[in-house]
Amino acid sequence: MSEAFVVPGDEQSLKKLTQVVYVLYALSYFAGVTAIVGIIINYVKKDDVEGTWLESHFRWQIRTFWYGMLWAVIGALTFFVLIGMAILFANFCWIIYRIVKGWLNLNENKPMTF
């Protein structure tokens, strides 16, 4: 949807959905499947946020998921060399940072800047 066609009620609904995805990503540390649900929501609803300030949040969330997965795989593969533990810890901190920063900007109705 382009910004010109987003009704205020629709934008509020999409904002709540964006918040749900941040929650799902945060909960993935307790139940990993929630991140999968979050990324599916991102891709299914991506067209609905196109042209709005929420589009930047969806891009932020999608990048957080895929880069987080990449570094998790690299960390897991190098775990036996001990560098993997450092990679996994850094990835954990980076993902938490991105969830918190995104969530704070969303609550202030600010787009994400890259």
PDB file of N, CA and C in Angstrom:
ATOM      1  N   MET A   1       0.850  -1.178   0.000  1.00  0.00           N
ATOM      2  CA  MET A   1       0.000   0.000   0.000  1.00  0.00           C
ATOM      3  C   MET A   1       0.885   1.226   0.000  1.00  0.00           C
ATOM      4  N   SER A   2       0.536   2.210  -0.767  1.00  0.00           N
ATOM      5  CA  SER A   2       1.306   3.446  -0.704  1.00  0.00           C
ATOM      6  C   SER A   2       0.752   4.297   0.424  1.00  0.00           C
ATOM      7  N   GLU A   3       1.565   5.249   0.863  1.00  0.00           N
ATOM      8  CA  GLU A   3       1.178   6.065   2.011  1.00  0.00           C
ATOM      9  C   GLU A   3      -0.134   6.796   1.770  1.00  0.00           C
ATOM     10  N   ALA A   4      -0.398   7.182   0.544  1.00  0.00           N
ATOM     11  CA  ALA A   4      -1.615   7.914   0.218  1.00  0.00           C
ATOM     12  C   ALA A   4      -2.863   7.070   0.437  1.00  0.00           C
ATOM     13  N   PHE A   5      -2.729   5.753   0.407  1.00  0.00           N
ATOM     14  CA  PHE A   5      -3.882   4.868   0.520  1.00  0.00           C
ATOM     15  C   PHE A   5      -4.017   4.216   1.891  1.00  0.00           C
ATOM     16  N   VAL A   6      -3.110   4.517   2.801  1.00  0.00           N
ATOM     17  CA  VAL A   6      -3.195   3.922   4.135  1.00  0.00           C
ATOM     18  C   VAL A   6      -4.128   4.755   4.989  1.00  0.00           C
ATOM     19  N   VAL A   7      -5.177   4.124   5.468  1.00  0.00           N
ATOM     20  CA  VAL A   7      -6.139   4.771   6.345  1.00  0.00           C
ATOM     21  C   VAL A   7      -5.543   4.755   7.751  1.00  0.00           C
ATOM     22  N   PRO A   8      -5.741   5.819   8.552  1.00  0.00           N
ATOM     23  CA  PRO A   8      -5.150   5.851   9.892  1.00  0.00           C
ATOM     24  C   PRO A   8      -5.400   4.585  10.716  1.00  0.00           C
ATOM     25  N   GLY A   9      -6.574   4.019  10.650  1.00  0.00           N
ATOM     26  CA  GLY A   9      -6.867   2.778  11.379  1.00  0.00           C
ATOM     27  C   GLY A   9      -6.026   1.630  10.870  1.00  0.00           C
ATOM     28  N   ASP A  10      -5.804   1.590   9.550  1.00  0.00           N
ATOM     29  CA  ASP A  10      -4.955   0.547   8.962  1.00  0.00           C
ATOM     30  C   ASP A  10      -3.519   0.709   9.431  1.00  0.00           C
ATOM     31  N   GLU A  11      -3.046   1.949   9.486  1.00  0.00           N
ATOM     32  CA  GLU A  11      -1.680   2.188   9.929  1.00  0.00           C
ATOM     33  C   GLU A  11      -1.514   1.746  11.380  1.00  0.00           C
ATOM     34  N   GLN A  12      -2.495   2.015  12.200  1.00  0.00           N
ATOM     35  CA  GLN A  12      -2.425   1.602  13.607  1.00  0.00           C
ATOM     36  C   GLN A  12      -2.392   0.078  13.704  1.00  0.00           C
ATOM     37  N   SER A  13      -3.169  -0.585  12.882  1.00  0.00           N
ATOM     38  CA  SER A  13      -3.180  -2.042  12.862  1.00  0.00           C
ATOM     39  C   SER A  13      -1.828  -2.591  12.403  1.00  0.00           C
ATOM     40  N   LEU A  14      -1.252  -1.975  11.386  1.00  0.00           N
ATOM     41  CA  LEU A  14       0.060  -2.401  10.889  1.00  0.00           C
ATOM     42  C   LEU A  14       1.155  -2.118  11.920  1.00  0.00           C
ATOM     43  N   LYS A  15       1.006  -1.031  12.668  1.00  0.00           N
ATOM     44  CA  LYS A  15       1.973  -0.729  13.727  1.00  0.00           C
ATOM     45  C   LYS A  15       1.920  -1.802  14.808  1.00  0.00           C
ATOM     46  N   LYS A  16       0.710  -2.227  15.174  1.00  0.00           N
ATOM     47  CA  LYS A  16       0.565  -3.289  16.171  1.00  0.00           C
ATOM     48  C   LYS A  16       1.174  -4.592  15.656  1.00  0.00           C
ATOM     49  N   LEU A  17       0.980  -4.877  14.381  1.00  0.00           N
ATOM     50  CA  LEU A  17       1.559  -6.075  13.793  1.00  0.00           C
ATOM     51  C   LEU A  17       3.086  -6.011  13.814  1.00  0.00           C
ATOM     52  N   THR A  18       3.631  -4.844  13.537  1.00  0.00           N
ATOM     53  CA  THR A  18       5.085  -4.655  13.581  1.00  0.00           C
ATOM     54  C   THR A  18       5.593  -4.889  14.998  1.00  0.00           C
ATOM     55  N   GLN A  19       4.846  -4.428  15.978  1.00  0.00           N
ATOM     56  CA  GLN A  19       5.217  -4.643  17.378  1.00  0.00           C
ATOM     57  C   GLN A  19       5.169  -6.134  17.723  1.00  0.00           C
ATOM     58  N   VAL A  20       4.172  -6.825  17.209  1.00  0.00           N
ATOM     59  CA  VAL A  20       4.066  -8.265  17.437  1.00  0.00           C
ATOM     60  C   VAL A  20       5.303  -8.981  16.905  1.00  0.00           C
ATOM     61  N   VAL A  21       5.791  -8.554  15.737  1.00  0.00           N
ATOM     62  CA  VAL A  21       6.981  -9.193  15.170  1.00  0.00           C
ATOM     63  C   VAL A  21       8.197  -8.949  16.065  1.00  0.00           C
ATOM     64  N   TYR A  22       8.349  -7.741  16.600  1.00  0.00           N
ATOM     65  CA  TYR A  22       9.450  -7.500  17.543  1.00  0.00           C
ATOM     66  C   TYR A  22       9.335  -8.436  18.757  1.00  0.00           C
ATOM     67  N   VAL A  23       8.133  -8.622  19.257  1.00  0.00           N
ATOM     68  CA  VAL A  23       7.917  -9.520  20.394  1.00  0.00           C
ATOM     69  C   VAL A  23       8.284 -10.957  20.012  1.00  0.00           C
ATOM     70  N   LEU A  24       7.862 -11.376  18.826  1.00  0.00           N
ATOM     71  CA  LEU A  24       8.176 -12.737  18.373  1.00  0.00           C
ATOM     72  C   LEU A  24       9.680 -12.950  18.265  1.00  0.00           C
ATOM     73  N   TYR A  25      10.387 -11.942  17.754  1.00  0.00           N
ATOM     74  CA  TYR A  25      11.844 -12.059  17.661  1.00  0.00           C
ATOM     75  C   TYR A  25      12.472 -12.143  19.052  1.00  0.00           C
ATOM     76  N   ALA A  26      11.976 -11.345  19.985  1.00  0.00           N
ATOM     77  CA  ALA A  26      12.509 -11.382  21.347  1.00  0.00           C
ATOM     78  C   ALA A  26      12.216 -12.735  22.005  1.00  0.00           C
ATOM     79  N   LEU A  27      11.033 -13.261  21.778  1.00  0.00           N
ATOM     80  CA  LEU A  27      10.663 -14.553  22.369  1.00  0.00           C
ATOM     81  C   LEU A  27      11.430 -15.719  21.753  1.00  0.00           C
ATOM     82  N   SER A  28      12.061 -15.492  20.632  1.00  0.00           N
ATOM     83  CA  SER A  28      12.771 -16.585  19.965  1.00  0.00           C
ATOM     84  C   SER A  28      13.939 -17.104  20.805  1.00  0.00           C
ATOM     85  N   TYR A  29      14.390 -16.341  21.778  1.00  0.00           N
ATOM     86  CA  TYR A  29      15.446 -16.827  22.662  1.00  0.00           C
ATOM     87  C   TYR A  29      14.921 -17.884  23.629  1.00  0.00           C
ATOM     88  N   PHE A  30      13.615 -17.948  23.783  1.00  0.00           N
ATOM     89  CA  PHE A  30      12.995 -18.946  24.652  1.00  0.00           C
ATOM     90  C   PHE A  30      12.340 -20.066  23.854  1.00  0.00           C
ATOM     91  N   ALA A  31      11.831 -19.715  22.669  1.00  0.00           N
ATOM     92  CA  ALA A  31      11.195 -20.688  21.765  1.00  0.00           C
ATOM     93  C   ALA A  31      11.529 -20.264  20.341  1.00  0.00           C
ATOM     94  N   GLY A  32      12.560 -20.868  19.772  1.00  0.00           N
ATOM     95  CA  GLY A  32      13.104 -20.453  18.481  1.00  0.00           C
ATOM     96  C   GLY A  32      12.119 -20.351  17.349  1.00  0.00           C
ATOM     97  N   VAL A  33      11.032 -21.095  17.420  1.00  0.00           N
ATOM     98  CA  VAL A  33      10.061 -21.096  16.327  1.00  0.00           C
ATOM     99  C   VAL A  33       9.377 -19.732  16.168  1.00  0.00           C
ATOM    100  N   THR A  34       9.364 -18.915  17.203  1.00  0.00           N
ATOM    101  CA  THR A  34       8.675 -17.625  17.102  1.00  0.00           C
ATOM    102  C   THR A  34       9.350 -16.696  16.099  1.00  0.00           C
ATOM    103  N   ALA A  35      10.667 -16.817  15.929  1.00  0.00           N
ATOM    104  CA  ALA A  35      11.357 -16.003  14.922  1.00  0.00           C
ATOM    105  C   ALA A  35      10.917 -16.403  13.521  1.00  0.00           C
ATOM    106  N   ILE A  36      10.669 -17.694  13.315  1.00  0.00           N
ATOM    107  CA  ILE A  36      10.188 -18.178  12.018  1.00  0.00           C
ATOM    108  C   ILE A  36       8.803 -17.588  11.735  1.00  0.00           C
ATOM    109  N   VAL A  37       7.951 -17.565  12.740  1.00  0.00           N
ATOM    110  CA  VAL A  37       6.618 -16.968  12.589  1.00  0.00           C
ATOM    111  C   VAL A  37       6.770 -15.481  12.263  1.00  0.00           C
ATOM    112  N   GLY A  38       7.686 -14.803  12.937  1.00  0.00           N
ATOM    113  CA  GLY A  38       7.910 -13.376  12.700  1.00  0.00           C
ATOM    114  C   GLY A  38       8.363 -13.086  11.277  1.00  0.00           C
ATOM    115  N   ILE A  39       9.300 -13.863  10.759  1.00  0.00           N
ATOM    116  CA  ILE A  39       9.798 -13.605   9.408  1.00  0.00           C
ATOM    117  C   ILE A  39       8.721 -13.908   8.371  1.00  0.00           C
ATOM    118  N   ILE A  40       7.899 -14.904   8.636  1.00  0.00           N
ATOM    119  CA  ILE A  40       6.789 -15.199   7.716  1.00  0.00           C
ATOM    120  C   ILE A  40       5.821 -14.019   7.684  1.00  0.00           C
ATOM    121  N   ILE A  41       5.499 -13.471   8.850  1.00  0.00           N
ATOM    122  CA  ILE A  41       4.623 -12.290   8.904  1.00  0.00           C
ATOM    123  C   ILE A  41       5.254 -11.141   8.127  1.00  0.00           C
ATOM    124  N   ASN A  42       6.565 -10.920   8.306  1.00  0.00           N
ATOM    125  CA  ASN A  42       7.251  -9.850   7.573  1.00  0.00           C
ATOM    126  C   ASN A  42       7.057  -9.991   6.068  1.00  0.00           C
ATOM    127  N   TYR A  43       7.246 -11.185   5.554  1.00  0.00           N
ATOM    128  CA  TYR A  43       7.146 -11.377   4.106  1.00  0.00           C
ATOM    129  C   TYR A  43       5.696 -11.349   3.610  1.00  0.00           C
ATOM    130  N   VAL A  44       4.767 -11.889   4.392  1.00  0.00           N
ATOM    131  CA  VAL A  44       3.357 -11.902   3.981  1.00  0.00           C
ATOM    132  C   VAL A  44       2.772 -10.490   3.969  1.00  0.00           C
ATOM    133  N   LYS A  45       3.143  -9.665   4.935  1.00  0.00           N
ATOM    134  CA  LYS A  45       2.555  -8.322   5.067  1.00  0.00           C
ATOM    135  C   LYS A  45       3.436  -7.208   4.488  1.00  0.00           C
ATOM    136  N   LYS A  46       4.541  -7.573   3.868  1.00  0.00           N
ATOM    137  CA  LYS A  46       5.494  -6.593   3.340  1.00  0.00           C
ATOM    138  C   LYS A  46       4.848  -5.597   2.380  1.00  0.00           C
ATOM    139  N   ASP A  47       4.002  -6.070   1.496  1.00  0.00           N
ATOM    140  CA  ASP A  47       3.344  -5.183   0.535  1.00  0.00           C
ATOM    141  C   ASP A  47       2.405  -4.192   1.218  1.00  0.00           C
ATOM    142  N   ASP A  48       1.817  -4.589   2.338  1.00  0.00           N
ATOM    143  CA  ASP A  48       0.874  -3.711   3.045  1.00  0.00           C
ATOM    144  C   ASP A  48       1.543  -2.490   3.662  1.00  0.00           C
ATOM    145  N   VAL A  49       2.813  -2.602   3.996  1.00  0.00           N
ATOM    146  CA  VAL A  49       3.513  -1.477   4.615  1.00  0.00           C
ATOM    147  C   VAL A  49       4.330  -0.675   3.605  1.00  0.00           C
ATOM    148  N   GLU A  50       4.355  -1.120   2.371  1.00  0.00           N
ATOM    149  CA  GLU A  50       5.137  -0.433   1.343  1.00  0.00           C
ATOM    150  C   GLU A  50       4.706   1.029   1.224  1.00  0.00           C
ATOM    151  N   GLY A  51       5.686   1.911   1.247  1.00  0.00           N
ATOM    152  CA  GLY A  51       5.421   3.339   1.117  1.00  0.00           C
ATOM    153  C   GLY A  51       5.085   4.034   2.417  1.00  0.00           C
ATOM    154  N   THR A  52       5.045   3.299   3.526  1.00  0.00           N
ATOM    155  CA  THR A  52       4.770   3.914   4.826  1.00  0.00           C
ATOM    156  C   THR A  52       6.062   3.928   5.647  1.00  0.00           C
ATOM    157  N   TRP A  53       6.033   4.628   6.754  1.00  0.00           N
ATOM    158  CA  TRP A  53       7.199   4.655   7.640  1.00  0.00           C
ATOM    159  C   TRP A  53       7.457   3.299   8.274  1.00  0.00           C
ATOM    160  N   LEU A  54       6.445   2.436   8.273  1.00  0.00           N
ATOM    161  CA  LEU A  54       6.609   1.095   8.829  1.00  0.00           C
ATOM    162  C   LEU A  54       7.410   0.174   7.916  1.00  0.00           C
ATOM    163  N   GLU A  55       7.530   0.533   6.656  1.00  0.00           N
ATOM    164  CA  GLU A  55       8.319  -0.272   5.718  1.00  0.00           C
ATOM    165  C   GLU A  55       9.763  -0.402   6.211  1.00  0.00           C
ATOM    166  N   SER A  56      10.297   0.682   6.760  1.00  0.00           N
ATOM    167  CA  SER A  56      11.682   0.635   7.253  1.00  0.00           C
ATOM    168  C   SER A  56      11.814  -0.344   8.423  1.00  0.00           C
ATOM    169  N   HIS A  57      10.776  -0.467   9.232  1.00  0.00           N
ATOM    170  CA  HIS A  57      10.811  -1.424  10.343  1.00  0.00           C
ATOM    171  C   HIS A  57      10.802  -2.857   9.817  1.00  0.00           C
ATOM    172  N   PHE A  58      10.010  -3.099   8.790  1.00  0.00           N
ATOM    173  CA  PHE A  58       9.976  -4.439   8.201  1.00  0.00           C
ATOM    174  C   PHE A  58      11.337  -4.793   7.602  1.00  0.00           C
ATOM    175  N   ARG A  59      11.960  -3.844   6.906  1.00  0.00           N
ATOM    176  CA  ARG A  59      13.299  -4.088   6.362  1.00  0.00           C
ATOM    177  C   ARG A  59      14.283  -4.383   7.498  1.00  0.00           C
ATOM    178  N   TRP A  60      14.196  -3.600   8.562  1.00  0.00           N
ATOM    179  CA  TRP A  60      15.057  -3.766   9.742  1.00  0.00           C
ATOM    180  C   TRP A  60      14.867  -5.165  10.342  1.00  0.00           C
ATOM    181  N   GLN A  61      13.623  -5.587  10.482  1.00  0.00           N
ATOM    182  CA  GLN A  61      13.327  -6.894  11.060  1.00  0.00           C
ATOM    183  C   GLN A  61      13.812  -8.030  10.158  1.00  0.00           C
ATOM    184  N   ILE A  62      13.585  -7.901   8.868  1.00  0.00           N
ATOM    185  CA  ILE A  62      14.020  -8.935   7.931  1.00  0.00           C
ATOM    186  C   ILE A  62      15.538  -9.064   7.945  1.00  0.00           C
ATOM    187  N   ARG A  63      16.235  -7.945   7.931  1.00  0.00           N
ATOM    188  CA  ARG A  63      17.704  -7.984   7.977  1.00  0.00           C
ATOM    189  C   ARG A  63      18.200  -8.548   9.302  1.00  0.00           C
ATOM    190  N   THR A  64      17.535  -8.194  10.382  1.00  0.00           N
ATOM    191  CA  THR A  64      17.915  -8.734  11.694  1.00  0.00           C
ATOM    192  C   THR A  64      17.811 -10.253  11.676  1.00  0.00           C
ATOM    193  N   PHE A  65      16.719 -10.773  11.122  1.00  0.00           N
ATOM    194  CA  PHE A  65      16.533 -12.219  11.073  1.00  0.00           C
ATOM    195  C   PHE A  65      17.622 -12.898  10.255  1.00  0.00           C
ATOM    196  N   TRP A  66      17.817 -12.438   9.008  1.00  0.00           N
ATOM    197  CA  TRP A  66      18.741 -13.144   8.112  1.00  0.00           C
ATOM    198  C   TRP A  66      20.205 -12.992   8.523  1.00  0.00           C
ATOM    199  N   TYR A  67      20.625 -11.798   8.930  1.00  0.00           N
ATOM    200  CA  TYR A  67      22.002 -11.650   9.396  1.00  0.00           C
ATOM    201  C   TYR A  67      22.215 -12.400  10.713  1.00  0.00           C
ATOM    202  N   GLY A  68      21.203 -12.399  11.559  1.00  0.00           N
ATOM    203  CA  GLY A  68      21.281 -13.161  12.799  1.00  0.00           C
ATOM    204  C   GLY A  68      21.433 -14.651  12.526  1.00  0.00           C
ATOM    205  N   MET A  69      20.683 -15.155  11.544  1.00  0.00           N
ATOM    206  CA  MET A  69      20.805 -16.570  11.159  1.00  0.00           C
ATOM    207  C   MET A  69      22.187 -16.867  10.598  1.00  0.00           C
ATOM    208  N   LEU A  70      22.682 -15.980   9.753  1.00  0.00           N
ATOM    209  CA  LEU A  70      24.005 -16.174   9.159  1.00  0.00           C
ATOM    210  C   LEU A  70      25.067 -16.308  10.245  1.00  0.00           C
ATOM    211  N   TRP A  71      25.079 -15.365  11.190  1.00  0.00           N
ATOM    212  CA  TRP A  71      26.095 -15.392  12.247  1.00  0.00           C
ATOM    213  C   TRP A  71      25.868 -16.531  13.225  1.00  0.00           C
ATOM    214  N   ALA A  72      24.619 -16.960  13.406  1.00  0.00           N
ATOM    215  CA  ALA A  72      24.347 -18.122  14.257  1.00  0.00           C
ATOM    216  C   ALA A  72      24.926 -19.385  13.627  1.00  0.00           C
ATOM    217  N   VAL A  73      24.780 -19.520  12.318  1.00  0.00           N
ATOM    218  CA  VAL A  73      25.344 -20.686  11.625  1.00  0.00           C
ATOM    219  C   VAL A  73      26.872 -20.652  11.692  1.00  0.00           C
ATOM    220  N   ILE A  74      27.450 -19.476  11.420  1.00  0.00           N
ATOM    221  CA  ILE A  74      28.915 -19.357  11.491  1.00  0.00           C
ATOM    222  C   ILE A  74      29.401 -19.660  12.911  1.00  0.00           C
ATOM    223  N   GLY A  75      28.710 -19.146  13.903  1.00  0.00           N
ATOM    224  CA  GLY A  75      29.076 -19.410  15.292  1.00  0.00           C
ATOM    225  C   GLY A  75      28.960 -20.878  15.648  1.00  0.00           C
ATOM    226  N   ALA A  76      27.898 -21.525  15.173  1.00  0.00           N
ATOM    227  CA  ALA A  76      27.709 -22.948  15.454  1.00  0.00           C
ATOM    228  C   ALA A  76      28.793 -23.793  14.783  1.00  0.00           C
ATOM    229  N   LEU A  77      29.142 -23.429  13.550  1.00  0.00           N
ATOM    230  CA  LEU A  77      30.161 -24.189  12.825  1.00  0.00           C
ATOM    231  C   LEU A  77      31.554 -24.029  13.417  1.00  0.00           C
ATOM    232  N   THR A  78      31.797 -22.912  14.062  1.00  0.00           N
ATOM    233  CA  THR A  78      33.130 -22.660  14.635  1.00  0.00           C
ATOM    234  C   THR A  78      33.139 -22.824  16.159  1.00  0.00           C
ATOM    235  N   PHE A  79      32.064 -23.347  16.702  1.00  0.00           N
ATOM    236  CA  PHE A  79      31.937 -23.484  18.151  1.00  0.00           C
ATOM    237  C   PHE A  79      33.052 -24.338  18.745  1.00  0.00           C
ATOM    238  N   PHE A  80      33.404 -25.418  18.062  1.00  0.00           N
ATOM    239  CA  PHE A  80      34.429 -26.324  18.589  1.00  0.00           C
ATOM    240  C   PHE A  80      35.814 -25.687  18.618  1.00  0.00           C
ATOM    241  N   VAL A  81      36.006 -24.594  17.882  1.00  0.00           N
ATOM    242  CA  VAL A  81      37.293 -23.900  17.859  1.00  0.00           C
ATOM    243  C   VAL A  81      37.325 -22.797  18.929  1.00  0.00           C
ATOM    244  N   LEU A  82      36.245 -22.652  19.650  1.00  0.00           N
ATOM    245  CA  LEU A  82      36.054 -21.670  20.720  1.00  0.00           C
ATOM    246  C   LEU A  82      35.750 -20.267  20.214  1.00  0.00           C
ATOM    247  N   ILE A  83      36.142 -19.933  19.005  1.00  0.00           N
ATOM    248  CA  ILE A  83      35.784 -18.617  18.461  1.00  0.00           C
ATOM    249  C   ILE A  83      34.272 -18.543  18.266  1.00  0.00           C
ATOM    250  N   GLY A  84      33.665 -19.709  18.079  1.00  0.00           N
ATOM    251  CA  GLY A  84      32.222 -19.775  17.889  1.00  0.00           C
ATOM    252  C   GLY A  84      31.440 -19.224  19.063  1.00  0.00           C
ATOM    253  N   MET A  85      31.945 -19.447  20.267  1.00  0.00           N
ATOM    254  CA  MET A  85      31.251 -18.913  21.449  1.00  0.00           C
ATOM    255  C   MET A  85      31.236 -17.388  21.421  1.00  0.00           C
ATOM    256  N   ALA A  86      32.352 -16.795  21.022  1.00  0.00           N
ATOM    257  CA  ALA A  86      32.424 -15.331  20.934  1.00  0.00           C
ATOM    258  C   ALA A  86      31.495 -14.820  19.838  1.00  0.00           C
ATOM    259  N   ILE A  87      31.455 -15.523  18.718  1.00  0.00           N
ATOM    260  CA  ILE A  87      30.571 -15.128  17.613  1.00  0.00           C
ATOM    261  C   ILE A  87      29.117 -15.220  18.048  1.00  0.00           C
ATOM    262  N   LEU A  88      28.754 -16.305  18.706  1.00  0.00           N
ATOM    263  CA  LEU A  88      27.369 -16.476  19.161  1.00  0.00           C
ATOM    264  C   LEU A  88      26.986 -15.421  20.195  1.00  0.00           C
ATOM    265  N   PHE A  89      27.895 -15.095  21.093  1.00  0.00           N
ATOM    266  CA  PHE A  89      27.610 -14.063  22.096  1.00  0.00           C
ATOM    267  C   PHE A  89      27.450 -12.692  21.437  1.00  0.00           C
ATOM    268  N   ALA A  90      28.343 -12.367  20.502  1.00  0.00           N
ATOM    269  CA  ALA A  90      28.246 -11.088  19.792  1.00  0.00           C
ATOM    270  C   ALA A  90      26.937 -11.022  19.003  1.00  0.00           C
ATOM    271  N   ASN A  91      26.560 -12.124  18.376  1.00  0.00           N
ATOM    272  CA  ASN A  91      25.306 -12.178  17.620  1.00  0.00           C
ATOM    273  C   ASN A  91      24.113 -11.971  18.553  1.00  0.00           C
ATOM    274  N   PHE A  92      24.142 -12.611  19.711  1.00  0.00           N
ATOM    275  CA  PHE A  92      23.088 -12.436  20.709  1.00  0.00           C
ATOM    276  C   PHE A  92      22.935 -10.960  21.083  1.00  0.00           C
ATOM    277  N   CYS A  93      24.052 -10.312  21.388  1.00  0.00           N
ATOM    278  CA  CYS A  93      24.027  -8.888  21.771  1.00  0.00           C
ATOM    279  C   CYS A  93      23.517  -8.022  20.624  1.00  0.00           C
ATOM    280  N   TRP A  94      23.955  -8.308  19.407  1.00  0.00           N
ATOM    281  CA  TRP A  94      23.564  -7.527  18.236  1.00  0.00           C
ATOM    282  C   TRP A  94      22.063  -7.647  17.981  1.00  0.00           C
ATOM    283  N   ILE A  95      21.531  -8.859  18.088  1.00  0.00           N
ATOM    284  CA  ILE A  95      20.089  -9.058  17.858  1.00  0.00           C
ATOM    285  C   ILE A  95      19.279  -8.342  18.934  1.00  0.00           C
ATOM    286  N   ILE A  96      19.689  -8.458  20.186  1.00  0.00           N
ATOM    287  CA  ILE A  96      18.992  -7.751  21.272  1.00  0.00           C
ATOM    288  C   ILE A  96      19.006  -6.248  21.012  1.00  0.00           C
ATOM    289  N   TYR A  97      20.159  -5.719  20.630  1.00  0.00           N
ATOM    290  CA  TYR A  97      20.273  -4.296  20.306  1.00  0.00           C
ATOM    291  C   TYR A  97      19.282  -3.907  19.213  1.00  0.00           C
ATOM    292  N   ARG A  98      19.203  -4.704  18.154  1.00  0.00           N
ATOM    293  CA  ARG A  98      18.316  -4.367  17.030  1.00  0.00           C
ATOM    294  C   ARG A  98      16.840  -4.454  17.422  1.00  0.00           C
ATOM    295  N   ILE A  99      16.492  -5.413  18.249  1.00  0.00           N
ATOM    296  CA  ILE A  99      15.109  -5.510  18.717  1.00  0.00           C
ATOM    297  C   ILE A  99      14.761  -4.297  19.563  1.00  0.00           C
ATOM    298  N   VAL A 100      15.630  -3.953  20.501  1.00  0.00           N
ATOM    299  CA  VAL A 100      15.364  -2.812  21.402  1.00  0.00           C
ATOM    300  C   VAL A 100      15.310  -1.501  20.618  1.00  0.00           C
ATOM    301  N   LYS A 101      16.296  -1.272  19.749  1.00  0.00           N
ATOM    302  CA  LYS A 101      16.321  -0.025  18.976  1.00  0.00           C
ATOM    303  C   LYS A 101      15.087   0.084  18.085  1.00  0.00           C
ATOM    304  N   GLY A 102      14.740  -0.994  17.420  1.00  0.00           N
ATOM    305  CA  GLY A 102      13.561  -0.981  16.557  1.00  0.00           C
ATOM    306  C   GLY A 102      12.284  -0.736  17.332  1.00  0.00           C
ATOM    307  N   TRP A 103      12.146  -1.411  18.449  1.00  0.00           N
ATOM    308  CA  TRP A 103      10.952  -1.278  19.275  1.00  0.00           C
ATOM    309  C   TRP A 103      10.815   0.147  19.822  1.00  0.00           C
ATOM    310  N   LEU A 104      11.918   0.731  20.258  1.00  0.00           N
ATOM    311  CA  LEU A 104      11.869   2.109  20.758  1.00  0.00           C
ATOM    312  C   LEU A 104      11.465   3.088  19.657  1.00  0.00           C
ATOM    313  N   ASN A 105      12.055   2.925  18.481  1.00  0.00           N
ATOM    314  CA  ASN A 105      11.679   3.808  17.369  1.00  0.00           C
ATOM    315  C   ASN A 105      10.221   3.616  16.982  1.00  0.00           C
ATOM    316  N   LEU A 106       9.754   2.381  16.990  1.00  0.00           N
ATOM    317  CA  LEU A 106       8.356   2.112  16.661  1.00  0.00           C
ATOM    318  C   LEU A 106       7.431   2.802  17.660  1.00  0.00           C
ATOM    319  N   ASN A 107       7.746   2.722  18.935  1.00  0.00           N
ATOM    320  CA  ASN A 107       6.918   3.361  19.961  1.00  0.00           C
ATOM    321  C   ASN A 107       6.907   4.876  19.842  1.00  0.00           C
ATOM    322  N   GLU A 108       7.947   5.449  19.225  1.00  0.00           N
ATOM    323  CA  GLU A 108       8.011   6.891  19.032  1.00  0.00           C
ATOM    324  C   GLU A 108       7.546   7.285  17.632  1.00  0.00           C
ATOM    325  N   ASN A 109       6.983   6.335  16.899  1.00  0.00           N
ATOM    326  CA  ASN A 109       6.500   6.557  15.521  1.00  0.00           C
ATOM    327  C   ASN A 109       7.596   7.064  14.582  1.00  0.00           C
ATOM    328  N   LYS A 110       8.799   6.550  14.786  1.00  0.00           N
ATOM    329  CA  LYS A 110       9.935   6.941  13.963  1.00  0.00           C
ATOM    330  C   LYS A 110      10.315   5.799  13.023  1.00  0.00           C
ATOM    331  N   PRO A 111      10.647   6.117  11.792  1.00  0.00           N
ATOM    332  CA  PRO A 111      11.146   5.060  10.892  1.00  0.00           C
ATOM    333  C   PRO A 111      12.561   4.667  11.311  1.00  0.00           C
ATOM    334  N   MET A 112      12.991   3.526  10.858  1.00  0.00           N
ATOM    335  CA  MET A 112      14.354   3.077  11.112  1.00  0.00           C
ATOM    336  C   MET A 112      15.267   3.709  10.080  1.00  0.00           C
ATOM    337  N   THR A 113      16.435   4.132  10.527  1.00  0.00           N
ATOM    338  CA  THR A 113      17.438   4.672   9.599  1.00  0.00           C
ATOM    339  C   THR A 113      18.565   3.656   9.511  1.00  0.00           C
ATOM    340  N   PHE A 114      19.118   3.538   8.340  1.00  0.00           N
ATOM    341  CA  PHE A 114      20.135   2.502   8.111  1.00  0.00           C
ATOM    342  C   PHE A 114      21.490   3.105   7.934  1.00  0.00           C
TER     343      PHE A 114
END
